């Protein structure tokens, strides 16, 4: 036996998977930030007509 505990040291494939997940997370966060609309640029919601009491 090598004397190393497999549970403590992830193999190369697991390291690559973890790195890919982190990269994907960073890309998603960057995309979400780029597509974010500032609150000042949003408009007030208008209720549906049926709730305004209009016929």
PDB file of N, CA and C in Angstrom:
ATOM      1  N   UNK A   1       0.829  -1.189   0.000  1.00  0.00           N
ATOM      2  CA  UNK A   1       0.000   0.000   0.000  1.00  0.00           C
ATOM      3  C   UNK A   1       0.868   1.245   0.000  1.00  0.00           C
ATOM      4  N   UNK A   2       0.307   2.312  -0.492  1.00  0.00           N
ATOM      5  CA  UNK A   2       1.087   3.535  -0.617  1.00  0.00           C
ATOM      6  C   UNK A   2       1.149   4.325   0.683  1.00  0.00           C
ATOM      7  N   UNK A   3       0.265   4.030   1.626  1.00  0.00           N
ATOM      8  CA  UNK A   3       0.262   4.751   2.883  1.00  0.00           C
ATOM      9  C   UNK A   3      -0.549   6.029   2.842  1.00  0.00           C
ATOM     10  N   UNK A   4      -1.145   6.346   1.688  1.00  0.00           N
ATOM     11  CA  UNK A   4      -1.960   7.554   1.571  1.00  0.00           C
ATOM     12  C   UNK A   4      -3.431   7.169   1.668  1.00  0.00           C
ATOM     13  N   UNK A   5      -4.191   7.994   2.335  1.00  0.00           N
ATOM     14  CA  UNK A   5      -5.615   7.747   2.472  1.00  0.00           C
ATOM     15  C   UNK A   5      -6.336   8.389   1.282  1.00  0.00           C
ATOM     16  N   UNK A   6      -7.043   7.582   0.500  1.00  0.00           N
ATOM     17  CA  UNK A   6      -7.725   8.087  -0.683  1.00  0.00           C
ATOM     18  C   UNK A   6      -8.820   9.093  -0.332  1.00  0.00           C
ATOM     19  N   UNK A   7      -9.394   9.009   0.847  1.00  0.00           N
ATOM     20  CA  UNK A   7     -10.458   9.920   1.241  1.00  0.00           C
ATOM     21  C   UNK A   7      -9.925  11.335   1.480  1.00  0.00           C
ATOM     22  N   UNK A   8      -8.675  11.467   1.838  1.00  0.00           N
ATOM     23  CA  UNK A   8      -8.112  12.771   2.142  1.00  0.00           C
ATOM     24  C   UNK A   8      -7.553  13.471   0.909  1.00  0.00           C
ATOM     25  N   UNK A   9      -7.074  12.737  -0.068  1.00  0.00           N
ATOM     26  CA  UNK A   9      -6.473  13.342  -1.246  1.00  0.00           C
ATOM     27  C   UNK A   9      -7.330  13.031  -2.475  1.00  0.00           C
ATOM     28  N   UNK A  10      -8.000  14.040  -3.035  1.00  0.00           N
ATOM     29  CA  UNK A  10      -8.815  13.793  -4.232  1.00  0.00           C
ATOM     30  C   UNK A  10      -7.916  13.447  -5.422  1.00  0.00           C
ATOM     31  N   UNK A  11      -8.430  12.575  -6.267  1.00  0.00           N
ATOM     32  CA  UNK A  11      -7.629  12.210  -7.437  1.00  0.00           C
ATOM     33  C   UNK A  11      -7.672  13.322  -8.471  1.00  0.00           C
ATOM     34  N   UNK A  12      -6.903  13.196  -9.498  1.00  0.00           N
ATOM     35  CA  UNK A  12      -6.764  14.252 -10.511  1.00  0.00           C
ATOM     36  C   UNK A  12      -8.098  14.579 -11.184  1.00  0.00           C
ATOM     37  N   UNK A  13      -8.900  13.562 -11.441  1.00  0.00           N
ATOM     38  CA  UNK A  13     -10.202  13.776 -12.069  1.00  0.00           C
ATOM     39  C   UNK A  13     -11.115  14.621 -11.201  1.00  0.00           C
ATOM     40  N   UNK A  14     -11.103  14.355  -9.896  1.00  0.00           N
ATOM     41  CA  UNK A  14     -11.925  15.147  -8.984  1.00  0.00           C
ATOM     42  C   UNK A  14     -11.432  16.582  -8.902  1.00  0.00           C
ATOM     43  N   UNK A  15     -10.119  16.772  -8.968  1.00  0.00           N
ATOM     44  CA  UNK A  15      -9.563  18.125  -8.947  1.00  0.00           C
ATOM     45  C   UNK A  15      -9.987  18.899 -10.194  1.00  0.00           C
ATOM     46  N   UNK A  16      -9.959  18.224 -11.347  1.00  0.00           N
ATOM     47  CA  UNK A  16     -10.370  18.855 -12.600  1.00  0.00           C
ATOM     48  C   UNK A  16     -11.856  19.211 -12.544  1.00  0.00           C
ATOM     49  N   UNK A  17     -12.693  18.282 -12.032  1.00  0.00           N
ATOM     50  CA  UNK A  17     -14.124  18.543 -11.905  1.00  0.00           C
ATOM     51  C   UNK A  17     -14.384  19.742 -11.007  1.00  0.00           C
ATOM     52  N   UNK A  18     -13.685  19.813  -9.894  1.00  0.00           N
ATOM     53  CA  UNK A  18     -13.865  20.935  -8.967  1.00  0.00           C
ATOM     54  C   UNK A  18     -13.457  22.253  -9.621  1.00  0.00           C
ATOM     55  N   UNK A  19     -12.370  22.235 -10.363  1.00  0.00           N
ATOM     56  CA  UNK A  19     -11.912  23.449 -11.049  1.00  0.00           C
ATOM     57  C   UNK A  19     -12.918  23.874 -12.119  1.00  0.00           C
ATOM     58  N   UNK A  20     -13.484  22.917 -12.845  1.00  0.00           N
ATOM     59  CA  UNK A  20     -14.480  23.235 -13.863  1.00  0.00           C
ATOM     60  C   UNK A  20     -15.739  23.797 -13.241  1.00  0.00           C
ATOM     61  N   UNK A  21     -16.157  23.253 -12.081  1.00  0.00           N
ATOM     62  CA  UNK A  21     -17.333  23.780 -11.391  1.00  0.00           C
ATOM     63  C   UNK A  21     -17.097  25.217 -10.938  1.00  0.00           C
ATOM     64  N   UNK A  22     -15.920  25.500 -10.416  1.00  0.00           N
ATOM     65  CA  UNK A  22     -15.590  26.855  -9.982  1.00  0.00           C
ATOM     66  C   UNK A  22     -15.579  27.826 -11.168  1.00  0.00           C
ATOM     67  N   UNK A  23     -15.014  27.392 -12.288  1.00  0.00           N
ATOM     68  CA  UNK A  23     -14.994  28.240 -13.493  1.00  0.00           C
ATOM     69  C   UNK A  23     -16.416  28.518 -13.979  1.00  0.00           C
ATOM     70  N   UNK A  24     -17.251  27.480 -13.981  1.00  0.00           N
ATOM     71  CA  UNK A  24     -18.632  27.649 -14.421  1.00  0.00           C
ATOM     72  C   UNK A  24     -19.375  28.593 -13.481  1.00  0.00           C
ATOM     73  N   UNK A  25     -19.126  28.460 -12.188  1.00  0.00           N
ATOM     74  CA  UNK A  25     -19.773  29.343 -11.216  1.00  0.00           C
ATOM     75  C   UNK A  25     -19.365  30.798 -11.443  1.00  0.00           C
ATOM     76  N   UNK A  26     -18.071  31.023 -11.690  1.00  0.00           N
ATOM     77  CA  UNK A  26     -17.590  32.384 -11.948  1.00  0.00           C
ATOM     78  C   UNK A  26     -18.208  32.957 -13.225  1.00  0.00           C
ATOM     79  N   UNK A  27     -18.322  32.125 -14.266  1.00  0.00           N
ATOM     80  CA  UNK A  27     -18.927  32.586 -15.523  1.00  0.00           C
ATOM     81  C   UNK A  27     -20.395  32.954 -15.324  1.00  0.00           C
ATOM     82  N   UNK A  28     -21.136  32.112 -14.584  1.00  0.00           N
ATOM     83  CA  UNK A  28     -22.544  32.394 -14.332  1.00  0.00           C
ATOM     84  C   UNK A  28     -22.725  33.674 -13.520  1.00  0.00           C
ATOM     85  N   UNK A  29     -21.898  33.867 -12.513  1.00  0.00           N
ATOM     86  CA  UNK A  29     -21.987  35.077 -11.710  1.00  0.00           C
ATOM     87  C   UNK A  29     -21.651  36.319 -12.536  1.00  0.00           C
ATOM     88  N   UNK A  30     -20.648  36.212 -13.392  1.00  0.00           N
ATOM     89  CA  UNK A  30     -20.284  37.335 -14.255  1.00  0.00           C
ATOM     90  C   UNK A  30     -21.405  37.644 -15.238  1.00  0.00           C
ATOM     91  N   UNK A  31     -22.023  36.613 -15.801  1.00  0.00           N
ATOM     92  CA  UNK A  31     -23.128  36.814 -16.732  1.00  0.00           C
ATOM     93  C   UNK A  31     -24.323  37.444 -16.020  1.00  0.00           C
ATOM     94  N   UNK A  32     -24.639  36.964 -14.829  1.00  0.00           N
ATOM     95  CA  UNK A  32     -25.761  37.522 -14.071  1.00  0.00           C
ATOM     96  C   UNK A  32     -25.507  38.987 -13.734  1.00  0.00           C
ATOM     97  N   UNK A  33     -24.301  39.316 -13.365  1.00  0.00           N
ATOM     98  CA  UNK A  33     -23.970  40.702 -13.047  1.00  0.00           C
ATOM     99  C   UNK A  33     -24.069  41.581 -14.292  1.00  0.00           C
ATOM    100  N   UNK A  34     -23.646  41.060 -15.439  1.00  0.00           N
ATOM    101  CA  UNK A  34     -23.712  41.827 -16.682  1.00  0.00           C
ATOM    102  C   UNK A  34     -25.156  42.073 -17.115  1.00  0.00           C
ATOM    103  N   UNK A  35     -26.054  41.128 -16.809  1.00  0.00           N
ATOM    104  CA  UNK A  35     -27.450  41.240 -17.226  1.00  0.00           C
ATOM    105  C   UNK A  35     -28.321  41.915 -16.171  1.00  0.00           C
ATOM    106  N   UNK A  36     -27.757  42.225 -15.031  1.00  0.00           N
ATOM    107  CA  UNK A  36     -28.523  42.808 -13.931  1.00  0.00           C
ATOM    108  C   UNK A  36     -28.997  44.206 -14.317  1.00  0.00           C
ATOM    109  N   UNK A  37     -30.250  44.490 -13.978  1.00  0.00           N
ATOM    110  CA  UNK A  37     -30.814  45.810 -14.243  1.00  0.00           C
ATOM    111  C   UNK A  37     -30.833  46.566 -12.919  1.00  0.00           C
ATOM    112  N   UNK A  38     -30.206  47.730 -12.861  1.00  0.00           N
ATOM    113  CA  UNK A  38     -30.216  48.502 -11.619  1.00  0.00           C
ATOM    114  C   UNK A  38     -31.638  48.881 -11.207  1.00  0.00           C
ATOM    115  N   UNK A  39     -31.885  48.941  -9.923  1.00  0.00           N
ATOM    116  CA  UNK A  39     -33.219  49.239  -9.408  1.00  0.00           C
ATOM    117  C   UNK A  39     -33.727  50.568  -9.943  1.00  0.00           C
ATOM    118  N   UNK A  40     -32.856  51.549 -10.089  1.00  0.00           N
ATOM    119  CA  UNK A  40     -33.271  52.859 -10.563  1.00  0.00           C
ATOM    120  C   UNK A  40     -33.837  52.808 -11.982  1.00  0.00           C
ATOM    121  N   UNK A  41     -33.465  51.819 -12.756  1.00  0.00           N
ATOM    122  CA  UNK A  41     -33.909  51.725 -14.144  1.00  0.00           C
ATOM    123  C   UNK A  41     -35.171  50.888 -14.317  1.00  0.00           C
ATOM    124  N   UNK A  42     -35.674  50.321 -13.243  1.00  0.00           N
ATOM    125  CA  UNK A  42     -36.883  49.505 -13.347  1.00  0.00           C
ATOM    126  C   UNK A  42     -38.103  50.394 -13.159  1.00  0.00           C
ATOM    127  N   UNK A  43     -39.217  49.936 -13.663  1.00  0.00           N
ATOM    128  CA  UNK A  43     -40.448  50.702 -13.522  1.00  0.00           C
ATOM    129  C   UNK A  43     -41.330  50.069 -12.457  1.00  0.00           C
ATOM    130  N   UNK A  44     -42.245  50.856 -11.957  1.00  0.00           N
ATOM    131  CA  UNK A  44     -43.168  50.376 -10.939  1.00  0.00           C
ATOM    132  C   UNK A  44     -44.140  49.385 -11.578  1.00  0.00           C
ATOM    133  N   UNK A  45     -44.441  48.332 -10.863  1.00  0.00           N
ATOM    134  CA  UNK A  45     -45.381  47.334 -11.370  1.00  0.00           C
ATOM    135  C   UNK A  45     -46.800  47.907 -11.359  1.00  0.00           C
ATOM    136  N   UNK A  46     -47.560  47.637 -12.409  1.00  0.00           N
ATOM    137  CA  UNK A  46     -48.940  48.089 -12.495  1.00  0.00           C
ATOM    138  C   UNK A  46     -49.826  46.872 -12.272  1.00  0.00           C
ATOM    139  N   UNK A  47     -50.752  46.972 -11.309  1.00  0.00           N
ATOM    140  CA  UNK A  47     -51.616  45.824 -11.033  1.00  0.00           C
ATOM    141  C   UNK A  47     -52.484  45.450 -12.232  1.00  0.00           C
ATOM    142  N   UNK A  48     -52.856  44.215 -12.288  1.00  0.00           N
ATOM    143  CA  UNK A  48     -53.738  43.729 -13.339  1.00  0.00           C
ATOM    144  C   UNK A  48     -55.080  44.462 -13.233  1.00  0.00           C
ATOM    145  N   UNK A  49     -55.738  44.723 -14.362  1.00  0.00           N
ATOM    146  CA  UNK A  49     -56.998  45.480 -14.370  1.00  0.00           C
ATOM    147  C   UNK A  49     -58.047  44.876 -13.450  1.00  0.00           C
ATOM    148  N   UNK A  50     -58.115  43.568 -13.388  1.00  0.00           N
ATOM    149  CA  UNK A  50     -59.180  42.949 -12.602  1.00  0.00           C
ATOM    150  C   UNK A  50     -59.037  43.266 -11.112  1.00  0.00           C
ATOM    151  N   UNK A  51     -57.850  43.674 -10.695  1.00  0.00           N
ATOM    152  CA  UNK A  51     -57.647  43.999  -9.281  1.00  0.00           C
ATOM    153  C   UNK A  51     -57.771  45.490  -9.019  1.00  0.00           C
ATOM    154  N   UNK A  52     -57.899  46.312 -10.044  1.00  0.00           N
ATOM    155  CA  UNK A  52     -58.034  47.744  -9.853  1.00  0.00           C
ATOM    156  C   UNK A  52     -59.484  48.182  -9.653  1.00  0.00           C
ATOM    157  N   UNK A  53     -60.416  47.299  -9.818  1.00  0.00           N
ATOM    158  CA  UNK A  53     -61.820  47.635  -9.629  1.00  0.00           C
ATOM    159  C   UNK A  53     -62.462  48.219 -10.865  1.00  0.00           C
ATOM    160  N   UNK A  54     -61.769  48.195 -11.986  1.00  0.00           N
ATOM    161  CA  UNK A  54     -62.329  48.688 -13.234  1.00  0.00           C
ATOM    162  C   UNK A  54     -63.159  47.598 -13.875  1.00  0.00           C
ATOM    163  N   UNK A  55     -64.267  47.967 -14.541  1.00  0.00           N
ATOM    164  CA  UNK A  55     -65.127  46.937 -15.182  1.00  0.00           C
ATOM    165  C   UNK A  55     -64.488  46.240 -16.333  1.00  0.00           C
TER     166      UNK A  55
END
